[in-house]
């Protein structure tokens, strides 16, 4: 695949799980890729080597999504190291669960700082470098509108905020030739949410396809939205969730 040749991408939270899958797929499709990580420097460096082995340039940037200064700086570092920025994938996120009577205000603030504020900060910083044809993609969640268990209200609210931000920003960005979309996965097999176990057994009952998604499936979808054939898709919240019925 070469649909993203001569494109440069930044993926936040890109050293593991869905983020790492997206980094790999964008590189496989021809893009040079920078990605952020909070911890796990060795893991991040190994991913850089993996991308470089594909013949693409890669940059690992240590940045905490809860820190607005670090988020904005990661955009500037991407441009400084790779020369430009065509694709921004806001993948960094946090999922803190708890019922209202136990949920701490500090965790509410952390959830919105990472899941919403960091997205806004990254988009604002990226726009200074983007041109017509650029793509902005946020990894939301099908839980924005469907929550099959107790304790997910704040997480769901943060992902619903991304739906609204995406829809409204498409009005601002459309005249610039820049698309913005919200990709909403259902359950995905990662180290933080494995497809085996009691919780997974429950979630599979909510999935008509009867299984979790694999990271590569989400990454392939994101790469398509980032590519030239998706130029008429914007302001959308796009489910890739196996028909999730929660």
Protein backbone atom coordinates (compact mmCIF):
# COMPACT_ATOMS: atom_id res chain seq x y z
CA UNK A 1 0.00 0.00 0.00
CA UNK A 2 1.23 3.50 -0.77
CA UNK A 3 -1.83 5.69 -0.20
CA UNK A 4 -0.02 7.84 2.38
CA UNK A 5 3.33 8.33 0.67
CA UNK A 6 4.77 11.81 1.33
CA UNK A 7 2.42 12.24 4.30
CA UNK A 8 3.51 12.90 7.87
CA UNK A 9 1.42 11.87 10.87
CA UNK A 10 1.35 12.39 14.63
CA UNK A 11 -0.38 9.75 16.76
CA UNK A 12 -0.86 10.61 20.43
CA UNK A 13 -0.59 7.68 22.82
CA UNK A 14 1.02 5.66 20.07
CA UNK A 15 3.42 3.28 21.80
CA UNK A 16 1.00 0.49 22.70
CA UNK A 17 -2.41 -1.01 21.96
CA UNK A 18 -4.59 0.68 19.37
CA UNK A 19 -2.17 3.58 19.06
CA UNK A 20 0.78 1.36 18.16
CA UNK A 21 -1.37 -0.48 15.64
CA UNK A 22 -2.27 2.84 14.02
CA UNK A 23 1.39 3.91 13.92
CA UNK A 24 2.33 0.65 12.18
CA UNK A 25 -0.48 0.84 9.66
CA UNK A 26 0.13 4.48 8.71
CA UNK A 27 3.80 3.63 8.16
CA UNK A 28 2.92 0.53 6.13
CA UNK A 29 0.76 2.75 3.94
CA UNK A 30 3.66 5.12 3.32
CA UNK A 31 3.56 7.82 6.02
CA UNK A 32 6.36 9.04 8.24
CA UNK A 33 5.04 8.89 11.81
CA UNK A 34 5.70 10.61 15.12
CA UNK A 35 3.96 9.33 18.22
CA UNK A 36 3.75 10.28 21.88
CA UNK A 37 4.12 8.11 24.94
CA UNK A 38 4.04 8.72 28.69
CA UNK A 39 6.16 5.82 29.96
CA UNK A 40 7.81 2.73 28.54
CA UNK A 41 10.72 4.35 26.72
CA UNK A 42 12.19 1.04 25.58
CA UNK A 43 8.86 -0.03 24.08
CA UNK A 44 8.61 3.30 22.25
CA UNK A 45 12.18 3.02 20.93
CA UNK A 46 11.49 -0.51 19.68
CA UNK A 47 8.48 0.76 17.76
CA UNK A 48 10.65 3.46 16.17
CA UNK A 49 13.07 0.77 15.00
CA UNK A 50 10.18 -1.27 13.63
CA UNK A 51 8.90 1.67 11.59
CA UNK A 52 12.38 2.54 10.35
CA UNK A 53 12.75 -1.07 9.16
CA UNK A 54 9.81 -0.36 6.85
CA UNK A 55 11.79 2.46 5.27
CA UNK A 56 9.80 5.22 6.96
CA UNK A 57 10.93 7.89 9.41
CA UNK A 58 9.67 7.65 12.99
CA UNK A 59 9.95 9.83 16.10
CA UNK A 60 8.98 8.90 19.66
CA UNK A 61 8.04 11.91 21.81
CA UNK A 62 7.59 11.64 25.56
CA UNK A 63 4.53 13.73 26.40
CA UNK A 64 1.77 13.49 28.99
CA UNK A 65 -1.65 14.10 27.47
CA UNK A 66 -2.77 15.62 30.77
CA UNK A 67 -0.22 18.41 30.27
CA UNK A 68 -1.42 20.91 27.67
CA UNK A 69 2.08 22.35 27.22
CA UNK A 70 3.51 18.91 26.45
CA UNK A 71 0.70 18.17 23.99
CA UNK A 72 1.29 21.38 22.04
CA UNK A 73 5.06 20.82 22.15
CA UNK A 74 4.65 17.35 20.64
CA UNK A 75 3.10 18.93 17.55
CA UNK A 76 6.01 21.35 17.20
CA UNK A 77 8.52 18.53 17.69
CA UNK A 78 6.83 16.51 14.96
CA UNK A 79 7.13 19.37 12.50
CA UNK A 80 10.72 20.10 13.54
CA UNK A 81 11.78 16.46 13.14
CA UNK A 82 9.70 15.41 10.13
CA UNK A 83 9.22 18.71 8.33
CA UNK A 84 5.44 18.99 8.27
CA UNK A 85 2.17 17.58 9.61
CA UNK A 86 -0.59 16.19 7.40
CA UNK A 87 -2.40 13.77 9.71
CA UNK A 88 -3.21 14.12 13.41
CA UNK A 89 -4.60 11.07 15.23
CA UNK A 90 -5.76 11.87 18.77
CA UNK A 91 -5.55 8.43 20.34
CA UNK A 92 -4.31 9.10 23.88
CA UNK A 93 -7.07 8.43 26.37
CA UNK A 94 -7.93 7.26 29.84
CA UNK A 95 -10.81 5.16 31.11
CA UNK A 96 -11.48 5.65 34.82
CA UNK A 97 -14.59 3.82 35.97
CA UNK A 98 -16.68 4.30 39.09
CA UNK A 99 -20.22 4.99 40.19
CA UNK A 100 -21.17 8.56 41.02
CA UNK A 101 -20.99 8.06 44.78
CA UNK A 102 -17.36 6.92 44.60
CA UNK A 103 -16.02 8.89 41.64
CA UNK A 104 -13.43 11.48 42.74
CA UNK A 105 -13.51 14.99 41.31
CA UNK A 106 -9.78 14.65 40.56
CA UNK A 107 -10.55 11.65 38.33
CA UNK A 108 -13.32 13.60 36.61
CA UNK A 109 -10.82 16.38 35.82
CA UNK A 110 -8.17 13.88 34.68
CA UNK A 111 -10.65 12.18 32.36
CA UNK A 112 -11.64 15.42 30.66
CA UNK A 113 -8.07 16.77 30.63
CA UNK A 114 -6.86 13.74 28.67
CA UNK A 115 -9.92 12.71 26.67
CA UNK A 116 -11.19 16.18 25.69
CA UNK A 117 -8.84 19.06 26.53
CA UNK A 118 -5.77 17.34 25.05
CA UNK A 119 -7.67 16.74 21.82
CA UNK A 120 -8.59 20.42 21.59
CA UNK A 121 -5.02 21.48 22.38
CA UNK A 122 -3.51 19.14 19.78
CA UNK A 123 -5.93 20.24 17.07
CA UNK A 124 -5.32 23.92 17.82
CA UNK A 125 -1.54 23.41 17.63
CA UNK A 126 -1.72 21.24 14.51
CA UNK A 127 -3.85 23.67 12.50
CA UNK A 128 -0.96 26.12 12.27
CA UNK A 129 0.87 23.54 10.15
CA UNK A 130 -1.93 21.89 8.19
CA UNK A 131 -3.03 22.61 4.64
CA UNK A 132 -5.87 21.56 2.35
CA UNK A 133 -6.11 17.76 2.31
CA UNK A 134 -4.98 17.33 5.90
CA UNK A 135 -6.80 14.95 8.19
CA UNK A 136 -7.71 15.07 11.90
CA UNK A 137 -8.97 11.86 13.50
CA UNK A 138 -9.88 11.24 17.12
CA UNK A 139 -10.30 7.79 18.62
CA UNK A 140 -13.53 8.04 20.56
CA UNK A 141 -15.67 5.17 21.79
CA UNK A 142 -18.98 3.54 21.09
CA UNK A 143 -19.57 4.06 24.82
CA UNK A 144 -20.38 7.68 24.01
CA UNK A 145 -23.93 6.53 23.39
CA UNK A 146 -24.01 2.92 24.64
CA UNK A 147 -22.83 1.94 28.12
CA UNK A 148 -23.66 -1.65 29.11
CA UNK A 149 -22.39 -1.55 32.70
CA UNK A 150 -22.41 0.69 35.77
CA UNK A 151 -19.65 3.14 36.49
CA UNK A 152 -18.94 4.42 33.00
CA UNK A 153 -20.80 7.73 33.07
CA UNK A 154 -17.81 10.10 33.15
CA UNK A 155 -15.93 8.15 30.49
CA UNK A 156 -19.05 8.15 28.31
CA UNK A 157 -19.50 11.89 28.84
CA UNK A 158 -15.94 12.58 27.72
CA UNK A 159 -16.40 10.56 24.55
CA UNK A 160 -19.75 12.22 23.87
CA UNK A 161 -17.95 15.57 24.11
CA UNK A 162 -15.67 14.41 21.29
CA UNK A 163 -18.73 13.73 19.15
CA UNK A 164 -19.90 17.31 19.57
CA UNK A 165 -16.44 18.79 19.06
CA UNK A 166 -15.97 16.81 15.85
CA UNK A 167 -19.32 17.77 14.39
CA UNK A 168 -18.90 21.46 15.16
CA UNK A 169 -15.26 21.74 14.10
CA UNK A 170 -16.07 20.28 10.70
CA UNK A 171 -17.82 23.61 10.01
CA UNK A 172 -14.67 25.54 10.86
CA UNK A 173 -12.28 23.25 9.01
CA UNK A 174 -14.28 22.42 5.89
CA UNK A 175 -13.52 25.71 4.12
CA UNK A 176 -9.81 25.01 4.74
CA UNK A 177 -10.02 21.65 3.00
CA UNK A 178 -9.31 19.80 6.25
CA UNK A 179 -11.48 16.91 7.39
CA UNK A 180 -12.11 15.90 11.00
CA UNK A 181 -13.68 12.63 12.11
CA UNK A 182 -14.30 10.61 15.24
CA UNK A 183 -13.63 6.85 15.03
CA UNK A 184 -15.59 4.97 17.70
CA UNK A 185 -14.34 1.43 18.39
CA UNK A 186 -16.23 -1.13 20.38
CA UNK A 187 -14.34 -3.72 22.45
CA UNK A 188 -10.83 -4.23 21.06
CA UNK A 189 -8.36 -6.93 22.10
CA UNK A 190 -5.48 -5.10 23.83
CA UNK A 191 -3.38 -5.70 26.91
CA UNK A 192 -5.69 -3.37 28.85
CA UNK A 193 -8.88 -5.02 27.57
CA UNK A 194 -8.08 -8.63 26.62
CA UNK A 195 -10.57 -10.70 24.63
CA UNK A 196 -10.44 -13.50 27.22
CA UNK A 197 -11.78 -13.40 30.76
CA UNK A 198 -15.04 -12.88 32.67
CA UNK A 199 -15.50 -9.26 31.55
CA UNK A 200 -14.86 -10.19 27.93
CA UNK A 201 -17.35 -13.04 28.21
CA UNK A 202 -19.98 -10.49 29.24
CA UNK A 203 -19.11 -8.00 26.50
CA UNK A 204 -19.30 -10.65 23.79
CA UNK A 205 -22.98 -11.08 24.68
CA UNK A 206 -23.44 -7.46 23.52
CA UNK A 207 -21.72 -8.07 20.16
CA UNK A 208 -23.71 -9.54 17.25
CA UNK A 209 -20.43 -10.65 15.62
CA UNK A 210 -19.59 -12.53 18.83
CA UNK A 211 -15.99 -11.37 19.15
CA UNK A 212 -13.68 -8.49 20.01
CA UNK A 213 -12.05 -6.41 17.28
CA UNK A 214 -8.36 -6.87 16.61
CA UNK A 215 -6.11 -3.80 16.70
CA UNK A 216 -5.27 -4.18 13.01
CA UNK A 217 -8.94 -3.77 12.09
CA UNK A 218 -9.17 -0.42 13.86
CA UNK A 219 -5.84 0.70 12.40
CA UNK A 220 -6.91 -0.15 8.85
CA UNK A 221 -10.07 1.91 9.26
CA UNK A 222 -8.12 4.88 10.60
CA UNK A 223 -5.66 4.68 7.72
CA UNK A 224 -8.53 4.78 5.23
CA UNK A 225 -10.01 7.88 6.90
CA UNK A 226 -6.53 9.44 6.75
CA UNK A 227 -6.21 8.70 3.06
CA UNK A 228 -7.15 10.48 -0.16
CA UNK A 229 -10.32 8.46 -0.79
CA UNK A 230 -11.97 9.72 2.41
CA UNK A 231 -12.01 13.40 1.48
CA UNK A 232 -15.83 13.59 1.50
CA UNK A 233 -16.13 12.23 5.04
CA UNK A 234 -16.05 14.88 7.76
CA UNK A 235 -17.79 15.75 11.00
CA UNK A 236 -18.72 12.09 11.41
CA UNK A 237 -18.71 9.74 14.38
CA UNK A 238 -17.94 6.40 12.75
CA UNK A 239 -18.64 3.19 14.64
CA UNK A 240 -16.38 0.17 14.19
CA UNK A 241 -17.92 -1.89 16.95
CA UNK A 242 -19.23 -5.23 15.72
CA UNK A 243 -22.80 -3.99 16.06
CA UNK A 244 -22.36 -3.33 19.79
CA UNK A 245 -25.75 -3.39 21.54
CA UNK A 246 -24.90 -2.07 24.99
